[in-house]
Amino acid sequence: MCVHHRIVADGTPEEVIRPDVLEATFGARMDVLEHLGMRVVIDEMREPRFVNEVG
């Protein structure tokens, strides 16, 4: 993983795309899911939000 022309993590996707590495790199908590053999990074959910919620 490279940020601002600097290597911050090196390895396989399983070794690099992990919540602890992402938080140390980007300063935000993230969840990592596996879908159809691919790693998917999402923001850590703080509170439920609904599309049709009013207000």
PDB file of N, CA and C in Angstrom:
ATOM      1  N   MET A   1       0.863  -1.157   0.000  1.00  0.00           N
ATOM      2  CA  MET A   1       0.000   0.000   0.000  1.00  0.00           C
ATOM      3  C   MET A   1       0.909   1.219   0.000  1.00  0.00           C
ATOM      4  N   CYS A   2       0.645   2.148  -0.891  1.00  0.00           N
ATOM      5  CA  CYS A   2       1.466   3.346  -1.049  1.00  0.00           C
ATOM      6  C   CYS A   2       0.605   4.578  -0.821  1.00  0.00           C
ATOM      7  N   VAL A   3       1.071   5.487   0.031  1.00  0.00           N
ATOM      8  CA  VAL A   3       0.377   6.734   0.310  1.00  0.00           C
ATOM      9  C   VAL A   3       1.401   7.860   0.240  1.00  0.00           C
ATOM     10  N   HIS A   4       1.104   8.877  -0.553  1.00  0.00           N
ATOM     11  CA  HIS A   4       2.007  10.030  -0.710  1.00  0.00           C
ATOM     12  C   HIS A   4       3.416   9.577  -1.093  1.00  0.00           C
ATOM     13  N   HIS A   5       3.498   8.674  -2.059  1.00  0.00           N
ATOM     14  CA  HIS A   5       4.770   8.185  -2.594  1.00  0.00           C
ATOM     15  C   HIS A   5       5.597   7.427  -1.553  1.00  0.00           C
ATOM     16  N   ARG A   6       4.967   6.917  -0.503  1.00  0.00           N
ATOM     17  CA  ARG A   6       5.663   6.176   0.541  1.00  0.00           C
ATOM     18  C   ARG A   6       4.974   4.834   0.753  1.00  0.00           C
ATOM     19  N   ILE A   7       5.738   3.757   0.779  1.00  0.00           N
ATOM     20  CA  ILE A   7       5.163   2.441   1.044  1.00  0.00           C
ATOM     21  C   ILE A   7       4.882   2.341   2.538  1.00  0.00           C
ATOM     22  N   VAL A   8       3.613   2.118   2.872  1.00  0.00           N
ATOM     23  CA  VAL A   8       3.219   2.019   4.277  1.00  0.00           C
ATOM     24  C   VAL A   8       2.900   0.589   4.689  1.00  0.00           C
ATOM     25  N   ALA A   9       2.695  -0.291   3.716  1.00  0.00           N
ATOM     26  CA  ALA A   9       2.442  -1.700   4.011  1.00  0.00           C
ATOM     27  C   ALA A   9       2.798  -2.514   2.778  1.00  0.00           C
ATOM     28  N   ASP A  10       3.326  -3.702   3.009  1.00  0.00           N
ATOM     29  CA  ASP A  10       3.756  -4.552   1.913  1.00  0.00           C
ATOM     30  C   ASP A  10       3.319  -5.977   2.221  1.00  0.00           C
ATOM     31  N   GLY A  11       2.756  -6.646   1.238  1.00  0.00           N
ATOM     32  CA  GLY A  11       2.344  -8.028   1.429  1.00  0.00           C
ATOM     33  C   GLY A  11       1.169  -8.375   0.545  1.00  0.00           C
ATOM     34  N   THR A  12       0.575  -9.508   0.839  1.00  0.00           N
ATOM     35  CA  THR A  12      -0.594  -9.959   0.099  1.00  0.00           C
ATOM     36  C   THR A  12      -1.802  -9.104   0.508  1.00  0.00           C
ATOM     37  N   PRO A  13      -2.872  -9.118  -0.283  1.00  0.00           N
ATOM     38  CA  PRO A  13      -4.070  -8.371   0.127  1.00  0.00           C
ATOM     39  C   PRO A  13      -4.553  -8.764   1.525  1.00  0.00           C
ATOM     40  N   GLU A  14      -4.450 -10.042   1.864  1.00  0.00           N
ATOM     41  CA  GLU A  14      -4.882 -10.490   3.188  1.00  0.00           C
ATOM     42  C   GLU A  14      -4.026  -9.890   4.296  1.00  0.00           C
ATOM     43  N   GLU A  15      -2.746  -9.641   4.010  1.00  0.00           N
ATOM     44  CA  GLU A  15      -1.834  -9.079   5.003  1.00  0.00           C
ATOM     45  C   GLU A  15      -1.952  -7.557   5.104  1.00  0.00           C
ATOM     46  N   VAL A  16      -2.338  -6.907   4.013  1.00  0.00           N
ATOM     47  CA  VAL A  16      -2.319  -5.446   3.948  1.00  0.00           C
ATOM     48  C   VAL A  16      -3.699  -4.831   4.131  1.00  0.00           C
ATOM     49  N   ILE A  17      -4.711  -5.403   3.517  1.00  0.00           N
ATOM     50  CA  ILE A  17      -6.057  -4.822   3.589  1.00  0.00           C
ATOM     51  C   ILE A  17      -6.754  -5.399   4.822  1.00  0.00           C
ATOM     52  N   ARG A  18      -6.366  -4.811   5.964  1.00  0.00           N
ATOM     53  CA  ARG A  18      -6.892  -5.215   7.268  1.00  0.00           C
ATOM     54  C   ARG A  18      -7.285  -3.962   8.036  1.00  0.00           C
ATOM     55  N   PRO A  19      -8.271  -4.063   8.925  1.00  0.00           N
ATOM     56  CA  PRO A  19      -8.722  -2.881   9.660  1.00  0.00           C
ATOM     57  C   PRO A  19      -7.604  -2.150  10.397  1.00  0.00           C
ATOM     58  N   ASP A  20      -6.694  -2.867  11.055  1.00  0.00           N
ATOM     59  CA  ASP A  20      -5.637  -2.201  11.809  1.00  0.00           C
ATOM     60  C   ASP A  20      -4.665  -1.455  10.900  1.00  0.00           C
ATOM     61  N   VAL A  21      -4.322  -2.033   9.755  1.00  0.00           N
ATOM     62  CA  VAL A  21      -3.415  -1.379   8.809  1.00  0.00           C
ATOM     63  C   VAL A  21      -4.093  -0.149   8.201  1.00  0.00           C
ATOM     64  N   LEU A  22      -5.358  -0.284   7.812  1.00  0.00           N
ATOM     65  CA  LEU A  22      -6.082   0.841   7.217  1.00  0.00           C
ATOM     66  C   LEU A  22      -6.241   1.992   8.202  1.00  0.00           C
ATOM     67  N   GLU A  23      -6.537   1.681   9.458  1.00  0.00           N
ATOM     68  CA  GLU A  23      -6.693   2.742  10.458  1.00  0.00           C
ATOM     69  C   GLU A  23      -5.361   3.448  10.710  1.00  0.00           C
ATOM     70  N   ALA A  24      -4.276   2.694  10.805  1.00  0.00           N
ATOM     71  CA  ALA A  24      -2.964   3.301  11.005  1.00  0.00           C
ATOM     72  C   ALA A  24      -2.560   4.159   9.805  1.00  0.00           C
ATOM     73  N   THR A  25      -2.978   3.763   8.616  1.00  0.00           N
ATOM     74  CA  THR A  25      -2.605   4.482   7.392  1.00  0.00           C
ATOM     75  C   THR A  25      -3.463   5.720   7.165  1.00  0.00           C
ATOM     76  N   PHE A  26      -4.783   5.575   7.312  1.00  0.00           N
ATOM     77  CA  PHE A  26      -5.698   6.653   6.944  1.00  0.00           C
ATOM     78  C   PHE A  26      -6.329   7.370   8.135  1.00  0.00           C
ATOM     79  N   GLY A  27      -6.134   6.866   9.347  1.00  0.00           N
ATOM     80  CA  GLY A  27      -6.659   7.526  10.533  1.00  0.00           C
ATOM     81  C   GLY A  27      -8.147   7.386  10.736  1.00  0.00           C
ATOM     82  N   ALA A  28      -8.754   6.404  10.103  1.00  0.00           N
ATOM     83  CA  ALA A  28     -10.198   6.184  10.256  1.00  0.00           C
ATOM     84  C   ALA A  28     -10.445   4.691  10.421  1.00  0.00           C
ATOM     85  N   ARG A  29     -11.438   4.366  11.232  1.00  0.00           N
ATOM     86  CA  ARG A  29     -11.781   2.956  11.431  1.00  0.00           C
ATOM     87  C   ARG A  29     -12.581   2.461  10.230  1.00  0.00           C
ATOM     88  N   MET A  30     -12.207   1.296   9.727  1.00  0.00           N
ATOM     89  CA  MET A  30     -12.877   0.707   8.570  1.00  0.00           C
ATOM     90  C   MET A  30     -13.061  -0.777   8.805  1.00  0.00           C
ATOM     91  N   ASP A  31     -14.090  -1.322   8.203  1.00  0.00           N
ATOM     92  CA  ASP A  31     -14.319  -2.759   8.221  1.00  0.00           C
ATOM     93  C   ASP A  31     -13.878  -3.327   6.882  1.00  0.00           C
ATOM     94  N   VAL A  32     -13.409  -4.554   6.904  1.00  0.00           N
ATOM     95  CA  VAL A  32     -13.014  -5.239   5.674  1.00  0.00           C
ATOM     96  C   VAL A  32     -13.875  -6.493   5.552  1.00  0.00           C
ATOM     97  N   LEU A  33     -14.605  -6.587   4.453  1.00  0.00           N
ATOM     98  CA  LEU A  33     -15.458  -7.729   4.170  1.00  0.00           C
ATOM     99  C   LEU A  33     -14.888  -8.498   2.993  1.00  0.00           C
ATOM    100  N   GLU A  34     -15.256  -9.757   2.879  1.00  0.00           N
ATOM    101  CA  GLU A  34     -14.858 -10.553   1.734  1.00  0.00           C
ATOM    102  C   GLU A  34     -16.124 -10.861   0.938  1.00  0.00           C
ATOM    103  N   HIS A  35     -16.093 -10.549  -0.358  1.00  0.00           N
ATOM    104  CA  HIS A  35     -17.252 -10.784  -1.221  1.00  0.00           C
ATOM    105  C   HIS A  35     -16.765 -11.344  -2.551  1.00  0.00           C
ATOM    106  N   LEU A  36     -17.213 -12.527  -2.886  1.00  0.00           N
ATOM    107  CA  LEU A  36     -16.835 -13.182  -4.133  1.00  0.00           C
ATOM    108  C   LEU A  36     -15.318 -13.235  -4.309  1.00  0.00           C
ATOM    109  N   GLY A  37     -14.615 -13.475  -3.202  1.00  0.00           N
ATOM    110  CA  GLY A  37     -13.168 -13.609  -3.245  1.00  0.00           C
ATOM    111  C   GLY A  37     -12.400 -12.305  -3.258  1.00  0.00           C
ATOM    112  N   MET A  38     -13.106 -11.176  -3.133  1.00  0.00           N
ATOM    113  CA  MET A  38     -12.439  -9.871  -3.126  1.00  0.00           C
ATOM    114  C   MET A  38     -12.633  -9.204  -1.778  1.00  0.00           C
ATOM    115  N   ARG A  39     -11.640  -8.461  -1.348  1.00  0.00           N
ATOM    116  CA  ARG A  39     -11.756  -7.676  -0.115  1.00  0.00           C
ATOM    117  C   ARG A  39     -12.452  -6.366  -0.434  1.00  0.00           C
ATOM    118  N   VAL A  40     -13.416  -6.003   0.395  1.00  0.00           N
ATOM    119  CA  VAL A  40     -14.190  -4.775   0.220  1.00  0.00           C
ATOM    120  C   VAL A  40     -14.044  -3.964   1.502  1.00  0.00           C
ATOM    121  N   VAL A  41     -13.641  -2.709   1.378  1.00  0.00           N
ATOM    122  CA  VAL A  41     -13.438  -1.840   2.533  1.00  0.00           C
ATOM    123  C   VAL A  41     -14.623  -0.895   2.652  1.00  0.00           C
ATOM    124  N   ILE A  42     -15.185  -0.816   3.862  1.00  0.00           N
ATOM    125  CA  ILE A  42     -16.306   0.086   4.119  1.00  0.00           C
ATOM    126  C   ILE A  42     -16.031   0.878   5.392  1.00  0.00           C
ATOM    127  N   ASP A  43     -16.644   2.065   5.482  1.00  0.00           N
ATOM    128  CA  ASP A  43     -16.570   2.829   6.724  1.00  0.00           C
ATOM    129  C   ASP A  43     -17.210   2.016   7.828  1.00  0.00           C
ATOM    130  N   GLU A  44     -16.639   2.100   9.004  1.00  0.00           N
ATOM    131  CA  GLU A  44     -17.254   1.429  10.142  1.00  0.00           C
ATOM    132  C   GLU A  44     -18.573   2.128  10.446  1.00  0.00           C
ATOM    133  N   MET A  45     -19.636   1.368  10.569  1.00  0.00           N
ATOM    134  CA  MET A  45     -20.957   1.941  10.792  1.00  0.00           C
ATOM    135  C   MET A  45     -21.059   2.492  12.215  1.00  0.00           C
ATOM    136  N   ARG A  46     -21.400   3.753  12.320  1.00  0.00           N
ATOM    137  CA  ARG A  46     -21.521   4.394  13.622  1.00  0.00           C
ATOM    138  C   ARG A  46     -22.923   4.211  14.197  1.00  0.00           C
ATOM    139  N   GLU A  47     -23.928   4.447  13.388  1.00  0.00           N
ATOM    140  CA  GLU A  47     -25.314   4.240  13.787  1.00  0.00           C
ATOM    141  C   GLU A  47     -26.121   3.942  12.530  1.00  0.00           C
ATOM    142  N   PRO A  48     -27.161   3.151  12.664  1.00  0.00           N
ATOM    143  CA  PRO A  48     -27.944   2.792  11.470  1.00  0.00           C
ATOM    144  C   PRO A  48     -28.567   4.013  10.816  1.00  0.00           C
ATOM    145  N   ARG A  49     -28.525   4.027   9.484  1.00  0.00           N
ATOM    146  CA  ARG A  49     -29.200   5.072   8.709  1.00  0.00           C
ATOM    147  C   ARG A  49     -30.080   4.378   7.683  1.00  0.00           C
ATOM    148  N   PHE A  50     -31.238   4.928   7.460  1.00  0.00           N
ATOM    149  CA  PHE A  50     -32.179   4.327   6.523  1.00  0.00           C
ATOM    150  C   PHE A  50     -32.432   5.284   5.378  1.00  0.00           C
ATOM    151  N   VAL A  51     -32.488   4.772   4.171  1.00  0.00           N
ATOM    152  CA  VAL A  51     -32.677   5.593   2.990  1.00  0.00           C
ATOM    153  C   VAL A  51     -33.969   6.375   3.046  1.00  0.00           C
ATOM    154  N   ASN A  52     -35.051   5.765   3.493  1.00  0.00           N
ATOM    155  CA  ASN A  52     -36.362   6.419   3.497  1.00  0.00           C
ATOM    156  C   ASN A  52     -36.674   7.134   4.803  1.00  0.00           C
ATOM    157  N   GLU A  53     -35.676   7.287   5.664  1.00  0.00           N
ATOM    158  CA  GLU A  53     -35.906   7.921   6.953  1.00  0.00           C
ATOM    159  C   GLU A  53     -36.164   9.413   6.761  1.00  0.00           C
ATOM    160  N   VAL A  54     -37.176   9.935   7.432  1.00  0.00           N
ATOM    161  CA  VAL A  54     -37.531  11.350   7.341  1.00  0.00           C
ATOM    162  C   VAL A  54     -36.941  12.067   8.541  1.00  0.00           C
ATOM    163  N   GLY A  55     -36.325  13.248   8.279  1.00  0.00           N
ATOM    164  CA  GLY A  55     -35.822  14.068   9.378  1.00  0.00           C
ATOM    165  C   GLY A  55     -34.428  13.792   9.646  1.00  0.00           C
TER     166      GLY A  55
END
